[in-house]
PDB file of all heavy atoms in Angstrom:
ATOM      1  N   LYS A   1      63.126 -19.373 -48.084  1.00  0.00           N
ATOM      2  CA  LYS A   1      61.877 -18.800 -47.463  1.00  0.00           C
ATOM      3  C   LYS A   1      61.211 -19.619 -46.514  1.00  0.00           C
ATOM      4  O   LYS A   1      60.245 -19.234 -45.860  1.00  0.00           O
ATOM      5  CB  LYS A   1      60.941 -18.607 -48.717  1.00  0.00           C
ATOM      6  CG  LYS A   1      61.411 -17.822 -49.877  1.00  0.00           C
ATOM      7  CD  LYS A   1      61.794 -16.392 -49.496  1.00  0.00           C
ATOM      8  CE  LYS A   1      62.098 -15.665 -50.774  1.00  0.00           C
ATOM      9  NZ  LYS A   1      62.552 -14.138 -50.541  1.00  0.00           N
ATOM     10  N   ASN A   2      61.631 -20.828 -46.240  1.00  0.00           N
ATOM     11  CA  ASN A   2      60.960 -21.880 -45.491  1.00  0.00           C
ATOM     12  C   ASN A   2      61.544 -22.064 -44.067  1.00  0.00           C
ATOM     13  O   ASN A   2      60.828 -22.497 -43.155  1.00  0.00           O
ATOM     14  CB  ASN A   2      60.978 -23.274 -46.113  1.00  0.00           C
ATOM     15  CG  ASN A   2      60.366 -23.040 -47.596  1.00  0.00           C
ATOM     16  OD1 ASN A   2      59.189 -22.561 -47.720  1.00  0.00           O
ATOM     17  ND2 ASN A   2      60.920 -23.645 -48.563  1.00  0.00           N
ATOM     18  N   LEU A   3      62.841 -21.665 -43.851  1.00  0.00           N
ATOM     19  CA  LEU A   3      63.363 -21.889 -42.546  1.00  0.00           C
ATOM     20  C   LEU A   3      62.676 -21.142 -41.482  1.00  0.00           C
ATOM     21  O   LEU A   3      62.363 -20.034 -41.640  1.00  0.00           O
ATOM     22  CB  LEU A   3      64.874 -21.441 -42.660  1.00  0.00           C
ATOM     23  CG  LEU A   3      65.643 -21.518 -41.323  1.00  0.00           C
ATOM     24  CD1 LEU A   3      65.893 -22.917 -40.810  1.00  0.00           C
ATOM     25  CD2 LEU A   3      67.009 -20.777 -41.442  1.00  0.00           C
ATOM     26  N   MET A   4      62.278 -21.789 -40.402  1.00  0.00           N
ATOM     27  CA  MET A   4      61.665 -21.094 -39.338  1.00  0.00           C
ATOM     28  C   MET A   4      62.698 -20.354 -38.504  1.00  0.00           C
ATOM     29  O   MET A   4      63.652 -21.001 -38.012  1.00  0.00           O
ATOM     30  CB  MET A   4      60.877 -22.155 -38.459  1.00  0.00           C
ATOM     31  CG  MET A   4      59.793 -22.751 -39.153  1.00  0.00           C
ATOM     32  SD  MET A   4      58.857 -23.957 -38.102  1.00  0.00           S
ATOM     33  CE  MET A   4      59.962 -25.415 -38.297  1.00  0.00           C
ATOM     34  N   ILE A   5      62.527 -19.120 -38.453  1.00  0.00           N
ATOM     35  CA  ILE A   5      63.443 -18.300 -37.650  1.00  0.00           C
ATOM     36  C   ILE A   5      62.696 -17.627 -36.396  1.00  0.00           C
ATOM     37  O   ILE A   5      61.665 -17.108 -36.461  1.00  0.00           O
ATOM     38  CB  ILE A   5      63.950 -17.055 -38.483  1.00  0.00           C
ATOM     39  CG1 ILE A   5      64.743 -17.592 -39.687  1.00  0.00           C
ATOM     40  CG2 ILE A   5      64.780 -16.056 -37.691  1.00  0.00           C
ATOM     41  CD1 ILE A   5      65.227 -16.521 -40.641  1.00  0.00           C
ATOM     42  N   VAL A   6      63.474 -17.873 -35.254  1.00  0.00           N
ATOM     43  CA  VAL A   6      62.808 -17.227 -33.966  1.00  0.00           C
ATOM     44  C   VAL A   6      63.931 -16.226 -33.509  1.00  0.00           C
ATOM     45  O   VAL A   6      65.161 -16.675 -33.232  1.00  0.00           O
ATOM     46  CB  VAL A   6      62.699 -18.294 -32.964  1.00  0.00           C
ATOM     47  CG1 VAL A   6      62.243 -17.659 -31.643  1.00  0.00           C
ATOM     48  CG2 VAL A   6      61.475 -19.272 -33.470  1.00  0.00           C
ATOM     49  N   PHE A   7      63.710 -14.991 -33.303  1.00  0.00           N
ATOM     50  CA  PHE A   7      64.678 -13.994 -32.775  1.00  0.00           C
ATOM     51  C   PHE A   7      64.711 -14.079 -31.350  1.00  0.00           C
ATOM     52  O   PHE A   7      63.750 -14.223 -30.648  1.00  0.00           O
ATOM     53  CB  PHE A   7      64.221 -12.707 -33.302  1.00  0.00           C
ATOM     54  CG  PHE A   7      64.461 -12.374 -34.821  1.00  0.00           C
ATOM     55  CD1 PHE A   7      63.377 -12.186 -35.609  1.00  0.00           C
ATOM     56  CD2 PHE A   7      65.752 -12.230 -35.083  1.00  0.00           C
ATOM     57  CE1 PHE A   7      63.681 -12.028 -37.031  1.00  0.00           C
ATOM     58  CE2 PHE A   7      66.086 -11.937 -36.534  1.00  0.00           C
ATOM     59  CZ  PHE A   7      64.954 -11.814 -37.444  1.00  0.00           C
ATOM     60  N   VAL A   8      65.889 -13.891 -30.881  1.00  0.00           N
ATOM     61  CA  VAL A   8      66.099 -13.795 -29.461  1.00  0.00           C
ATOM     62  C   VAL A   8      66.655 -12.416 -29.198  1.00  0.00           C
ATOM     63  O   VAL A   8      67.702 -12.019 -29.829  1.00  0.00           O
ATOM     64  CB  VAL A   8      67.203 -14.900 -28.955  1.00  0.00           C
ATOM     65  CG1 VAL A   8      67.349 -14.811 -27.430  1.00  0.00           C
ATOM     66  CG2 VAL A   8      66.800 -16.349 -29.478  1.00  0.00           C
ATOM     67  N   THR A   9      65.909 -11.626 -28.337  1.00  0.00           N
ATOM     68  CA  THR A   9      66.446 -10.255 -28.173  1.00  0.00           C
ATOM     69  C   THR A   9      66.094  -9.858 -26.718  1.00  0.00           C
ATOM     70  O   THR A   9      65.233 -10.274 -26.086  1.00  0.00           O
ATOM     71  CB  THR A   9      65.562  -9.395 -29.077  1.00  0.00           C
ATOM     72  OG1 THR A   9      66.010  -8.040 -28.867  1.00  0.00           O
ATOM     73  CG2 THR A   9      64.118  -9.573 -29.000  1.00  0.00           C
ATOM     74  N   GLY A  10      66.991  -8.862 -26.432  1.00  0.00           N
ATOM     75  CA  GLY A  10      66.648  -8.122 -25.100  1.00  0.00           C
ATOM     76  C   GLY A  10      65.866  -6.995 -25.142  1.00  0.00           C
ATOM     77  O   GLY A  10      65.569  -6.234 -24.075  1.00  0.00           O
ATOM     78  N   TYR A  11      65.433  -6.572 -26.396  1.00  0.00           N
ATOM     79  CA  TYR A  11      64.745  -5.287 -26.653  1.00  0.00           C
ATOM     80  C   TYR A  11      63.454  -5.464 -27.471  1.00  0.00           C
ATOM     81  O   TYR A  11      63.561  -6.035 -28.536  1.00  0.00           O
ATOM     82  CB  TYR A  11      65.687  -4.325 -27.313  1.00  0.00           C
ATOM     83  CG  TYR A  11      66.932  -4.011 -26.612  1.00  0.00           C
ATOM     84  CD1 TYR A  11      68.127  -4.806 -26.940  1.00  0.00           C
ATOM     85  CD2 TYR A  11      67.037  -3.056 -25.599  1.00  0.00           C
ATOM     86  CE1 TYR A  11      69.295  -4.522 -26.377  1.00  0.00           C
ATOM     87  CE2 TYR A  11      68.135  -2.846 -24.988  1.00  0.00           C
ATOM     88  CZ  TYR A  11      69.355  -3.674 -25.298  1.00  0.00           C
ATOM     89  OH  TYR A  11      70.540  -3.385 -24.612  1.00  0.00           O
ATOM     90  N   ALA A  12      62.284  -5.163 -26.901  1.00  0.00           N
ATOM     91  CA  ALA A  12      61.043  -5.368 -27.504  1.00  0.00           C
ATOM     92  C   ALA A  12      60.885  -4.441 -28.800  1.00  0.00           C
ATOM     93  O   ALA A  12      60.103  -4.754 -29.710  1.00  0.00           O
ATOM     94  CB  ALA A  12      59.938  -4.972 -26.533  1.00  0.00           C
ATOM     95  N   ASP A  13      61.778  -3.472 -28.965  1.00  0.00           N
ATOM     96  CA  ASP A  13      61.785  -2.573 -30.128  1.00  0.00           C
ATOM     97  C   ASP A  13      61.855  -3.388 -31.435  1.00  0.00           C
ATOM     98  O   ASP A  13      61.476  -2.817 -32.547  1.00  0.00           O
ATOM     99  CB  ASP A  13      62.716  -1.459 -29.992  1.00  0.00           C
ATOM    100  CG  ASP A  13      62.488  -0.456 -28.751  1.00  0.00           C
ATOM    101  OD1 ASP A  13      61.237  -0.525 -28.273  1.00  0.00           O
ATOM    102  OD2 ASP A  13      63.322   0.193 -28.335  1.00  0.00           O
ATOM    103  N   TYR A  14      62.647  -4.434 -31.333  1.00  0.00           N
ATOM    104  CA  TYR A  14      63.006  -5.120 -32.653  1.00  0.00           C
ATOM    105  C   TYR A  14      61.777  -6.092 -33.108  1.00  0.00           C
ATOM    106  O   TYR A  14      61.858  -6.606 -34.206  1.00  0.00           O
ATOM    107  CB  TYR A  14      64.147  -5.961 -32.343  1.00  0.00           C
ATOM    108  CG  TYR A  14      65.506  -5.211 -32.247  1.00  0.00           C
ATOM    109  CD1 TYR A  14      66.132  -5.142 -31.065  1.00  0.00           C
ATOM    110  CD2 TYR A  14      66.021  -4.540 -33.334  1.00  0.00           C
ATOM    111  CE1 TYR A  14      67.321  -4.399 -30.901  1.00  0.00           C
ATOM    112  CE2 TYR A  14      67.211  -3.834 -33.257  1.00  0.00           C
ATOM    113  CZ  TYR A  14      67.809  -3.740 -32.007  1.00  0.00           C
ATOM    114  OH  TYR A  14      69.043  -3.015 -31.950  1.00  0.00           O
ATOM    115  N   VAL A  15      60.843  -6.243 -32.299  1.00  0.00           N
ATOM    116  CA  VAL A  15      59.911  -7.291 -32.487  1.00  0.00           C
ATOM    117  C   VAL A  15      59.141  -7.224 -33.981  1.00  0.00           C
ATOM    118  O   VAL A  15      59.183  -8.059 -34.773  1.00  0.00           O
ATOM    119  CB  VAL A  15      58.717  -7.259 -31.462  1.00  0.00           C
ATOM    120  CG1 VAL A  15      57.522  -8.193 -31.905  1.00  0.00           C
ATOM    121  CG2 VAL A  15      59.236  -7.679 -30.146  1.00  0.00           C
ATOM    122  N   PHE A  16      58.713  -5.961 -34.384  1.00  0.00           N
ATOM    123  CA  PHE A  16      58.073  -5.704 -35.581  1.00  0.00           C
ATOM    124  C   PHE A  16      58.956  -5.811 -36.770  1.00  0.00           C
ATOM    125  O   PHE A  16      58.602  -6.407 -37.782  1.00  0.00           O
ATOM    126  CB  PHE A  16      57.394  -4.430 -35.579  1.00  0.00           C
ATOM    127  CG  PHE A  16      56.130  -4.284 -34.657  1.00  0.00           C
ATOM    128  CD1 PHE A  16      56.273  -3.587 -33.392  1.00  0.00           C
ATOM    129  CD2 PHE A  16      54.951  -5.065 -34.808  1.00  0.00           C
ATOM    130  CE1 PHE A  16      55.197  -3.515 -32.542  1.00  0.00           C
ATOM    131  CE2 PHE A  16      54.009  -4.992 -33.973  1.00  0.00           C
ATOM    132  CZ  PHE A  16      54.064  -4.278 -32.699  1.00  0.00           C
ATOM    133  N   ASP A  17      60.203  -5.388 -36.630  1.00  0.00           N
ATOM    134  CA  ASP A  17      61.261  -5.783 -37.640  1.00  0.00           C
ATOM    135  C   ASP A  17      61.398  -7.236 -37.899  1.00  0.00           C
ATOM    136  O   ASP A  17      61.558  -7.617 -39.065  1.00  0.00           O
ATOM    137  CB  ASP A  17      62.623  -5.117 -37.182  1.00  0.00           C
ATOM    138  CG  ASP A  17      62.473  -3.564 -37.170  1.00  0.00           C
ATOM    139  OD1 ASP A  17      61.650  -2.978 -37.897  1.00  0.00           O
ATOM    140  OD2 ASP A  17      63.346  -2.982 -36.537  1.00  0.00           O
ATOM    141  N   GLY A  18      61.343  -7.997 -36.908  1.00  0.00           N
ATOM    142  CA  GLY A  18      61.435  -9.441 -36.985  1.00  0.00           C
ATOM    143  C   GLY A  18      60.395 -10.078 -37.895  1.00  0.00           C
ATOM    144  O   GLY A  18      60.643 -10.866 -38.806  1.00  0.00           O
ATOM    145  N   TYR A  19      59.115  -9.567 -37.704  1.00  0.00           N
ATOM    146  CA  TYR A  19      58.040 -10.145 -38.496  1.00  0.00           C
ATOM    147  C   TYR A  19      58.206  -9.791 -40.047  1.00  0.00           C
ATOM    148  O   TYR A  19      57.659 -10.478 -40.874  1.00  0.00           O
ATOM    149  CB  TYR A  19      56.706  -9.628 -37.952  1.00  0.00           C
ATOM    150  CG  TYR A  19      56.347 -10.154 -36.655  1.00  0.00           C
ATOM    151  CD1 TYR A  19      55.942  -9.526 -35.467  1.00  0.00           C
ATOM    152  CD2 TYR A  19      56.453 -11.589 -36.444  1.00  0.00           C
ATOM    153  CE1 TYR A  19      55.671 -10.124 -34.351  1.00  0.00           C
ATOM    154  CE2 TYR A  19      56.223 -12.212 -35.288  1.00  0.00           C
ATOM    155  CZ  TYR A  19      55.888 -11.399 -34.244  1.00  0.00           C
ATOM    156  OH  TYR A  19      55.477 -12.101 -33.050  1.00  0.00           O
ATOM    157  N   ARG A  20      58.818  -8.581 -40.307  1.00  0.00           N
ATOM    158  CA  ARG A  20      59.206  -8.185 -41.698  1.00  0.00           C
ATOM    159  C   ARG A  20      59.929  -9.296 -42.351  1.00  0.00           C
ATOM    160  O   ARG A  20      59.746  -9.419 -43.664  1.00  0.00           O
ATOM    161  CB  ARG A  20      59.834  -6.829 -41.699  1.00  0.00           C
ATOM    162  CG  ARG A  20      59.906  -6.261 -43.064  1.00  0.00           C
ATOM    163  CD  ARG A  20      60.652  -4.934 -43.111  1.00  0.00           C
ATOM    164  NE  ARG A  20      62.099  -5.211 -42.811  1.00  0.00           N
ATOM    165  CZ  ARG A  20      62.904  -4.765 -41.771  1.00  0.00           C
ATOM    166  NH1 ARG A  20      62.249  -4.080 -40.832  1.00  0.00           N
ATOM    167  NH2 ARG A  20      64.086  -5.012 -41.638  1.00  0.00           N
ATOM    168  N   THR A  21      60.777 -10.032 -41.683  1.00  0.00           N
ATOM    169  CA  THR A  21      61.623 -10.991 -42.269  1.00  0.00           C
ATOM    170  C   THR A  21      60.953 -12.373 -42.311  1.00  0.00           C
ATOM    171  O   THR A  21      61.635 -13.392 -42.620  1.00  0.00           O
ATOM    172  CB  THR A  21      63.004 -11.029 -41.706  1.00  0.00           C
ATOM    173  OG1 THR A  21      62.794 -11.419 -40.273  1.00  0.00           O
ATOM    174  CG2 THR A  21      63.708  -9.671 -41.683  1.00  0.00           C
ATOM    175  N   GLY A  22      59.740 -12.453 -41.952  1.00  0.00           N
ATOM    176  CA  GLY A  22      59.084 -13.713 -41.919  1.00  0.00           C
ATOM    177  C   GLY A  22      59.405 -14.524 -40.707  1.00  0.00           C
ATOM    178  O   GLY A  22      59.299 -15.821 -40.908  1.00  0.00           O
ATOM    179  N   ALA A  23      59.688 -13.952 -39.650  1.00  0.00           N
ATOM    180  CA  ALA A  23      60.143 -14.671 -38.456  1.00  0.00           C
ATOM    181  C   ALA A  23      58.875 -15.311 -37.888  1.00  0.00           C
ATOM    182  O   ALA A  23      57.698 -14.895 -37.943  1.00  0.00           O
ATOM    183  CB  ALA A  23      60.636 -13.816 -37.453  1.00  0.00           C
ATOM    184  N   LEU A  24      59.086 -16.584 -37.342  1.00  0.00           N
ATOM    185  CA  LEU A  24      57.899 -17.297 -36.793  1.00  0.00           C
ATOM    186  C   LEU A  24      57.508 -16.707 -35.466  1.00  0.00           C
ATOM    187  O   LEU A  24      56.421 -16.674 -35.067  1.00  0.00           O
ATOM    188  CB  LEU A  24      58.347 -18.769 -36.444  1.00  0.00           C
ATOM    189  CG  LEU A  24      57.348 -19.697 -35.784  1.00  0.00           C
ATOM    190  CD1 LEU A  24      56.215 -19.912 -36.672  1.00  0.00           C
ATOM    191  CD2 LEU A  24      58.026 -21.040 -35.367  1.00  0.00           C
ATOM    192  N   ASP A  25      58.490 -16.210 -34.650  1.00  0.00           N
ATOM    193  CA  ASP A  25      58.232 -15.578 -33.334  1.00  0.00           C
ATOM    194  C   ASP A  25      59.473 -14.981 -32.867  1.00  0.00           C
ATOM    195  O   ASP A  25      60.593 -14.909 -33.577  1.00  0.00           O
ATOM    196  CB  ASP A  25      57.805 -16.646 -32.426  1.00  0.00           C
ATOM    197  CG  ASP A  25      56.890 -16.171 -31.288  1.00  0.00           C
ATOM    198  OD1 ASP A  25      56.879 -14.907 -31.041  1.00  0.00           O
ATOM    199  OD2 ASP A  25      56.150 -16.983 -30.573  1.00  0.00           O
ATOM    200  N   TYR A  26      59.356 -14.416 -31.650  1.00  0.00           N
ATOM    201  CA  TYR A  26      60.528 -13.907 -31.029  1.00  0.00           C
ATOM    202  C   TYR A  26      60.452 -14.221 -29.496  1.00  0.00           C
ATOM    203  O   TYR A  26      59.405 -14.470 -28.963  1.00  0.00           O
ATOM    204  CB  TYR A  26      60.592 -12.340 -31.126  1.00  0.00           C
ATOM    205  CG  TYR A  26      59.657 -11.523 -30.354  1.00  0.00           C
ATOM    206  CD1 TYR A  26      59.953 -11.010 -28.983  1.00  0.00           C
ATOM    207  CD2 TYR A  26      58.333 -11.500 -30.644  1.00  0.00           C
ATOM    208  CE1 TYR A  26      59.063 -10.498 -28.179  1.00  0.00           C
ATOM    209  CE2 TYR A  26      57.452 -10.808 -29.874  1.00  0.00           C
ATOM    210  CZ  TYR A  26      57.710 -10.264 -28.649  1.00  0.00           C
ATOM    211  OH  TYR A  26      56.832  -9.641 -27.889  1.00  0.00           O
ATOM    212  N   ILE A  27      61.588 -14.258 -28.805  1.00  0.00           N
ATOM    213  CA  ILE A  27      61.644 -14.617 -27.396  1.00  0.00           C
ATOM    214  C   ILE A  27      62.527 -13.618 -26.695  1.00  0.00           C
ATOM    215  O   ILE A  27      63.588 -13.190 -27.362  1.00  0.00           O
ATOM    216  CB  ILE A  27      62.097 -15.994 -27.044  1.00  0.00           C
ATOM    217  CG1 ILE A  27      63.359 -16.323 -27.700  1.00  0.00           C
ATOM    218  CG2 ILE A  27      61.000 -17.006 -27.504  1.00  0.00           C
ATOM    219  CD1 ILE A  27      63.849 -17.846 -27.418  1.00  0.00           C
ATOM    220  N   MET A  28      62.100 -13.155 -25.574  1.00  0.00           N
ATOM    221  CA  MET A  28      62.779 -12.068 -24.866  1.00  0.00           C
ATOM    222  C   MET A  28      63.791 -12.761 -23.911  1.00  0.00           C
ATOM    223  O   MET A  28      63.592 -13.788 -23.424  1.00  0.00           O
ATOM    224  CB  MET A  28      61.888 -11.232 -24.058  1.00  0.00           C
ATOM    225  CG  MET A  28      60.882 -10.447 -24.914  1.00  0.00           C
ATOM    226  SD  MET A  28      61.644  -9.155 -26.001  1.00  0.00           S
ATOM    227  CE  MET A  28      62.226  -8.053 -24.704  1.00  0.00           C
ATOM    228  N   LYS A  29      65.030 -12.005 -23.752  1.00  0.00           N
ATOM    229  CA  LYS A  29      65.930 -12.455 -22.793  1.00  0.00           C
ATOM    230  C   LYS A  29      65.555 -11.733 -21.524  1.00  0.00           C
ATOM    231  O   LYS A  29      65.143 -10.742 -21.363  1.00  0.00           O
ATOM    232  CB  LYS A  29      67.346 -12.034 -23.237  1.00  0.00           C
ATOM    233  CG  LYS A  29      67.882 -12.604 -24.460  1.00  0.00           C
ATOM    234  CD  LYS A  29      69.336 -12.047 -24.775  1.00  0.00           C
ATOM    235  CE  LYS A  29      69.918 -12.708 -26.027  1.00  0.00           C
ATOM    236  NZ  LYS A  29      71.226 -12.065 -26.381  1.00  0.00           N
ATOM    237  N   PRO A  30      65.819 -12.557 -20.328  1.00  0.00           N
ATOM    238  CA  PRO A  30      66.215 -13.873 -20.204  1.00  0.00           C
ATOM    239  C   PRO A  30      65.169 -14.903 -20.713  1.00  0.00           C
ATOM    240  O   PRO A  30      63.975 -14.691 -20.361  1.00  0.00           O
ATOM    241  CB  PRO A  30      66.611 -14.141 -18.829  1.00  0.00           C
ATOM    242  CG  PRO A  30      65.631 -13.130 -18.107  1.00  0.00           C
ATOM    243  CD  PRO A  30      65.664 -11.928 -19.024  1.00  0.00           C
ATOM    244  N   VAL A  31      65.538 -15.909 -21.518  1.00  0.00           N
ATOM    245  CA  VAL A  31      64.612 -16.879 -22.046  1.00  0.00           C
ATOM    246  C   VAL A  31      63.836 -17.647 -20.936  1.00  0.00           C
ATOM    247  O   VAL A  31      64.499 -18.269 -20.068  1.00  0.00           O
ATOM    248  CB  VAL A  31      65.258 -17.756 -23.029  1.00  0.00           C
ATOM    249  CG1 VAL A  31      64.312 -18.715 -23.619  1.00  0.00           C
ATOM    250  CG2 VAL A  31      65.839 -16.919 -24.139  1.00  0.00           C
TER     251      VAL A  31
END
């Protein structure tokens, strides 16, 4: 439960799904 996860994605549609898994943040491609 503690690992900090940052999603890397090319699609903003995934952002809210990422927070459901306790993600710290997301970054869009190109980074």
